[in-house]
Amino acid sequence: MSSAADEAGYHIRVSRAKISRLETGRARCKERDVLDLLALYRVHDAEVIAGLLVLASQARAQDRWAGFSDVLPAWFEPYLGMEASASVIRAFDLQFVCGLLQTEDYARAVTVLGHRDARAGEIDRRVAVRTKRQERLAAADPPRLWAVLDEAALRRPVGGPRVMRGQVGRLLEAAEMPTVTLQVLPFAAGGHDAGGTFTILRFAEPGISDVVYIEQLTGATYVGKPDAVDYHRDVMNRLASAALAPSATAGFLAGMLREM
């Protein structure tokens, strides 16, 4: 008679020994395996599923970010794993330029604002995390990044004029990348119903639902309930509709650069 371990191993196509390693923490579980096991055990609660997928993503990110554990808050580590495995990243940014598109100088200025008492070495390591995240955009299988940027983030001179010139130039370069869609939401578009910055992550694996990431000053919220995810997706679509088209955005940024 087969055991529960045998049944689980059969369901995710691994040996009983591998199941034992997963149970004892000596092996890591892929998101696809998590979904298959949840289906086996008849777990259908979307919030529970999303939470377990976050944990699986966090485990996958541990090796890559192990050297930065001293500057990574526990609430941010799950996001790094999910961002690294996402196939589509849709981001709306209200105050600062999207982290995946920041120059090193701009990232340093933003980091100093949020960690005013940190030593120079700690600031360097925090900036290194941000620039290391950007390597994903140049990988062999990069995610599709669709960023909507409020004009306020561009008008706020973070780091001073020189830093902003470099940052706007970087955005123009990014807009030329085939996997990046960049739109500016101008002041002229009027008000909008986005309460703040948020990111929607989509995954290529079938059965893995989108996750919304909302960062606060001292923590983050991961939204996985279908109704809440749908709401944020609708808001994102409205923001994209109100924003300048990608071609017009490039012209807008070029105009800003000439004025600087």
Protein backbone atom coordinates (compact mmCIF):
# COMPACT_ATOMS: atom_id res chain seq x y z
CA MET A 1 0.00 0.00 0.00
CA SER A 2 1.49 3.32 -1.01
CA SER A 3 2.20 5.95 1.62
CA ALA A 4 1.28 9.63 1.57
CA ALA A 5 4.89 10.40 0.60
CA ASP A 6 4.66 7.99 -2.33
CA GLU A 7 1.41 9.59 -3.48
CA ALA A 8 2.86 13.09 -3.20
CA GLY A 9 6.00 12.04 -5.07
CA TYR A 10 3.94 10.51 -7.85
CA HIS A 11 1.82 13.65 -8.10
CA ILE A 12 4.80 15.98 -8.63
CA ARG A 13 6.91 13.41 -10.51
CA VAL A 14 9.72 12.97 -7.99
CA SER A 15 11.02 10.11 -5.86
CA ARG A 16 10.01 9.40 -2.29
CA ALA A 17 13.56 10.39 -1.29
CA LYS A 18 13.02 13.81 -2.86
CA ILE A 19 9.77 14.20 -0.90
CA SER A 20 11.71 13.41 2.26
CA ARG A 21 14.28 16.09 1.42
CA LEU A 22 11.49 18.59 0.78
CA GLU A 23 9.85 17.77 4.11
CA THR A 24 13.11 18.23 6.03
CA GLY A 25 14.11 21.41 4.24
CA ARG A 26 17.11 19.86 2.45
CA ALA A 27 15.55 20.57 -0.95
CA ARG A 28 13.47 23.45 -2.27
CA CYS A 29 10.02 23.17 -3.74
CA LYS A 30 9.27 24.77 -7.09
CA GLU A 31 6.15 26.87 -7.46
CA ARG A 32 4.71 24.32 -9.91
CA ASP A 33 5.18 21.56 -7.33
CA VAL A 34 3.49 23.67 -4.67
CA LEU A 35 0.46 24.09 -6.92
CA ASP A 36 0.31 20.38 -7.73
CA LEU A 37 0.51 19.40 -4.06
CA LEU A 38 -2.17 21.92 -3.11
CA ALA A 39 -4.41 20.44 -5.79
CA LEU A 40 -3.70 16.96 -4.42
CA TYR A 41 -4.67 18.04 -0.91
CA ARG A 42 -7.73 19.95 -2.19
CA VAL A 43 -6.58 23.37 -1.03
CA HIS A 44 -8.51 25.97 -3.02
CA ASP A 45 -8.31 29.13 -0.87
CA ALA A 46 -6.67 31.78 -3.10
CA GLU A 47 -5.09 33.63 -0.18
CA VAL A 48 -3.50 30.45 1.19
CA ILE A 49 -2.24 29.47 -2.25
CA ALA A 50 -0.74 32.92 -2.85
CA GLY A 51 0.96 32.87 0.56
CA LEU A 52 2.55 29.48 -0.05
CA LEU A 53 3.74 30.58 -3.49
CA VAL A 54 5.36 33.61 -1.86
CA LEU A 55 7.22 31.29 0.53
CA ALA A 56 8.36 29.08 -2.35
CA SER A 57 9.60 32.12 -4.26
CA GLN A 58 11.41 33.37 -1.18
CA ALA A 59 13.24 30.06 -0.84
CA ARG A 60 14.32 30.23 -4.48
CA ALA A 61 15.75 33.69 -3.93
CA GLN A 62 17.81 32.80 -0.85
CA ASP A 63 20.94 31.66 -2.67
CA ARG A 64 21.01 34.62 -5.06
CA TRP A 65 20.58 37.15 -2.28
CA ALA A 66 22.32 35.35 0.57
CA GLY A 67 25.16 37.85 0.62
CA PHE A 68 22.76 40.72 1.22
CA SER A 69 20.77 39.32 4.13
CA ASP A 70 21.98 42.10 6.42
CA VAL A 71 20.29 44.80 4.32
CA LEU A 72 17.20 42.92 3.12
CA PRO A 73 14.11 43.20 5.32
CA ALA A 74 12.22 39.94 5.74
CA TRP A 75 9.11 41.39 4.10
CA PHE A 76 11.03 42.22 0.91
CA GLU A 77 12.75 38.87 0.35
CA PRO A 78 9.60 37.15 -1.00
CA TYR A 79 9.25 39.87 -3.62
CA LEU A 80 12.78 39.26 -4.91
CA GLY A 81 11.95 35.62 -5.55
CA MET A 82 8.69 36.42 -7.29
CA GLU A 83 10.21 39.21 -9.38
CA ALA A 84 12.95 36.85 -10.53
CA SER A 85 10.44 34.24 -11.69
CA ALA A 86 7.79 36.59 -13.12
CA SER A 87 7.14 36.60 -16.86
CA VAL A 88 5.31 39.96 -16.83
CA ILE A 89 5.88 42.84 -14.41
CA ARG A 90 3.39 45.72 -14.52
CA ALA A 91 4.36 48.63 -12.28
CA PHE A 92 2.81 51.98 -11.45
CA ASP A 93 5.13 54.40 -9.67
CA LEU A 94 3.96 57.63 -8.14
CA GLN A 95 6.92 59.14 -6.28
CA PHE A 96 10.09 57.55 -7.67
CA VAL A 97 11.19 55.95 -10.93
CA CYS A 98 10.55 52.20 -11.12
CA GLY A 99 13.36 50.37 -9.32
CA LEU A 100 14.16 48.19 -12.33
CA LEU A 101 14.85 51.32 -14.40
CA GLN A 102 16.83 53.41 -11.92
CA THR A 103 20.40 54.50 -12.58
CA GLU A 104 22.93 53.78 -9.86
CA ASP A 105 23.16 57.47 -8.92
CA TYR A 106 19.39 57.84 -8.72
CA ALA A 107 19.07 54.60 -6.71
CA ARG A 108 21.69 55.90 -4.30
CA ALA A 109 19.83 59.19 -3.82
CA VAL A 110 16.55 57.32 -3.16
CA THR A 111 18.28 54.91 -0.76
CA VAL A 112 19.84 57.74 1.25
CA LEU A 113 16.40 59.33 1.62
CA GLY A 114 15.02 56.14 3.14
CA HIS A 115 18.06 55.32 5.31
CA ARG A 116 19.38 58.64 6.52
CA ASP A 117 21.36 57.16 9.42
CA ALA A 118 22.98 54.33 7.42
CA ARG A 119 26.71 54.21 6.87
CA ALA A 120 28.20 54.51 3.40
CA GLY A 121 28.94 50.77 3.21
CA GLU A 122 25.34 49.87 3.96
CA ILE A 123 24.09 52.33 1.35
CA ASP A 124 26.45 50.75 -1.19
CA ARG A 125 25.04 47.29 -0.47
CA ARG A 126 21.44 48.46 -0.73
CA VAL A 127 22.18 50.09 -4.07
CA ALA A 128 23.89 46.87 -5.20
CA VAL A 129 20.67 44.95 -4.54
CA ARG A 130 18.75 47.31 -6.78
CA THR A 131 21.28 47.16 -9.63
CA LYS A 132 21.53 43.37 -9.32
CA ARG A 133 17.76 43.10 -9.75
CA GLN A 134 18.12 44.90 -13.08
CA GLU A 135 20.26 42.08 -14.48
CA ARG A 136 17.02 40.20 -15.07
CA LEU A 137 16.08 42.64 -17.84
CA ALA A 138 19.22 41.72 -19.80
CA ALA A 139 18.92 37.95 -19.25
CA ALA A 140 18.31 35.44 -22.01
CA ASP A 141 14.66 35.13 -20.94
CA PRO A 142 13.79 38.58 -19.59
CA PRO A 143 10.35 39.39 -18.22
CA ARG A 144 8.05 41.78 -20.01
CA LEU A 145 8.21 45.05 -18.05
CA TRP A 146 5.31 47.47 -18.50
CA ALA A 147 5.93 50.55 -16.38
CA VAL A 148 3.56 53.49 -15.97
CA LEU A 149 5.33 56.44 -14.36
CA ASP A 150 3.53 59.43 -12.89
CA GLU A 151 4.95 62.74 -14.12
CA ALA A 152 5.44 63.73 -10.47
CA ALA A 153 8.30 61.25 -10.18
CA LEU A 154 10.08 62.93 -13.09
CA ARG A 155 9.54 66.47 -11.86
CA ARG A 156 10.88 65.72 -8.39
CA PRO A 157 14.66 66.40 -8.60
CA VAL A 158 15.90 63.41 -6.62
CA GLY A 159 19.66 63.71 -6.27
CA GLY A 160 19.80 67.02 -8.12
CA PRO A 161 19.84 68.08 -11.81
CA ARG A 162 22.82 65.93 -12.86
CA VAL A 163 21.32 62.76 -11.41
CA MET A 164 17.96 63.50 -13.01
CA ARG A 165 19.52 64.09 -16.43
CA GLY A 166 21.16 60.70 -16.22
CA GLN A 167 17.92 59.10 -15.05
CA VAL A 168 15.78 60.56 -17.83
CA GLY A 169 18.44 59.47 -20.33
CA ARG A 170 18.28 55.96 -18.89
CA LEU A 171 14.50 55.91 -19.31
CA LEU A 172 14.87 56.85 -22.97
CA GLU A 173 17.30 53.96 -23.44
CA ALA A 174 14.98 51.56 -21.64
CA ALA A 175 12.06 52.63 -23.82
CA GLU A 176 13.98 51.23 -26.80
CA MET A 177 14.28 47.76 -25.26
CA PRO A 178 11.96 45.24 -26.96
CA THR A 179 10.74 43.82 -23.66
CA VAL A 180 10.04 47.17 -21.98
CA THR A 181 6.90 49.28 -22.41
CA LEU A 182 7.21 52.68 -20.75
CA GLN A 183 4.43 55.23 -20.36
CA VAL A 184 4.32 58.56 -18.56
CA LEU A 185 1.06 59.61 -16.91
CA PRO A 186 1.15 63.41 -17.35
CA PHE A 187 -0.34 65.96 -15.01
CA ALA A 188 -2.64 66.95 -17.88
CA ALA A 189 -4.41 63.58 -17.55
CA GLY A 190 -5.94 64.81 -14.30
CA GLY A 191 -6.68 62.69 -11.26
CA HIS A 192 -6.64 58.90 -11.07
CA ASP A 193 -7.82 56.21 -8.69
CA ALA A 194 -4.48 54.62 -7.85
CA GLY A 195 -3.95 55.01 -4.13
CA GLY A 196 -0.18 54.75 -4.55
CA THR A 197 2.61 52.70 -6.07
CA PHE A 198 1.93 49.02 -6.77
CA THR A 199 3.24 46.17 -8.91
CA ILE A 200 1.40 43.25 -10.51
CA LEU A 201 3.45 40.09 -11.11
CA ARG A 202 2.37 37.46 -13.61
CA PHE A 203 3.96 34.04 -13.96
CA ALA A 204 4.39 31.81 -16.98
CA GLU A 205 3.50 28.62 -15.13
CA PRO A 206 -0.18 27.73 -15.70
CA GLY A 207 -2.25 27.78 -12.58
CA ILE A 208 -0.19 30.40 -10.74
CA SER A 209 -2.34 33.46 -10.15
CA ASP A 210 -1.10 37.03 -10.41
CA VAL A 211 0.21 38.63 -7.22
CA VAL A 212 -0.01 42.32 -6.37
CA TYR A 213 2.84 43.81 -4.35
CA ILE A 214 2.24 47.01 -2.38
CA GLU A 215 5.14 48.45 -0.41
CA GLN A 216 4.75 50.67 2.64
CA LEU A 217 7.31 52.51 4.76
CA THR A 218 8.04 49.59 7.08
CA GLY A 219 6.52 46.57 5.34
CA ALA A 220 4.67 45.26 2.33
CA THR A 221 1.37 43.67 1.40
CA TYR A 222 1.07 40.73 -0.99
CA VAL A 223 -2.39 40.54 -2.53
CA GLY A 224 -3.53 37.22 -3.95
CA LYS A 225 -7.32 37.16 -3.65
CA PRO A 226 -8.80 37.10 -7.17
CA ASP A 227 -11.23 39.99 -6.57
CA ALA A 228 -8.48 42.22 -5.18
CA VAL A 229 -6.06 41.29 -7.96
CA ASP A 230 -8.76 42.03 -10.56
CA TYR A 231 -9.37 45.42 -8.98
CA HIS A 232 -5.70 46.37 -9.17
CA ARG A 233 -5.52 45.08 -12.74
CA ASP A 234 -8.46 47.28 -13.70
CA VAL A 235 -6.80 50.31 -12.10
CA MET A 236 -3.56 49.54 -13.94
CA ASN A 237 -5.43 49.31 -17.24
CA ARG A 238 -7.06 52.67 -16.62
CA LEU A 239 -3.71 54.23 -15.78
CA ALA A 240 -2.20 52.87 -18.98
CA SER A 241 -5.16 54.17 -21.00
CA ALA A 242 -4.80 57.66 -19.50
CA ALA A 243 -1.01 57.74 -19.89
CA LEU A 244 0.90 58.85 -22.96
CA ALA A 245 1.44 56.15 -25.57
CA PRO A 246 4.98 54.68 -25.58
CA SER A 247 5.98 56.72 -28.66
CA ALA A 248 4.61 59.93 -27.13
CA THR A 249 6.35 59.07 -23.87
CA ALA A 250 9.70 58.93 -25.67
CA GLY A 251 9.02 62.38 -27.09
CA PHE A 252 8.01 63.67 -23.65
CA LEU A 253 11.23 62.36 -22.08
CA ALA A 254 13.36 63.75 -24.91
CA GLY A 255 11.74 67.15 -24.38
CA MET A 256 12.48 66.99 -20.66
CA LEU A 257 16.10 66.13 -21.38
CA ARG A 258 16.49 69.14 -23.67
CA GLU A 259 15.11 71.38 -20.94
CA MET A 260 17.52 70.12 -18.27
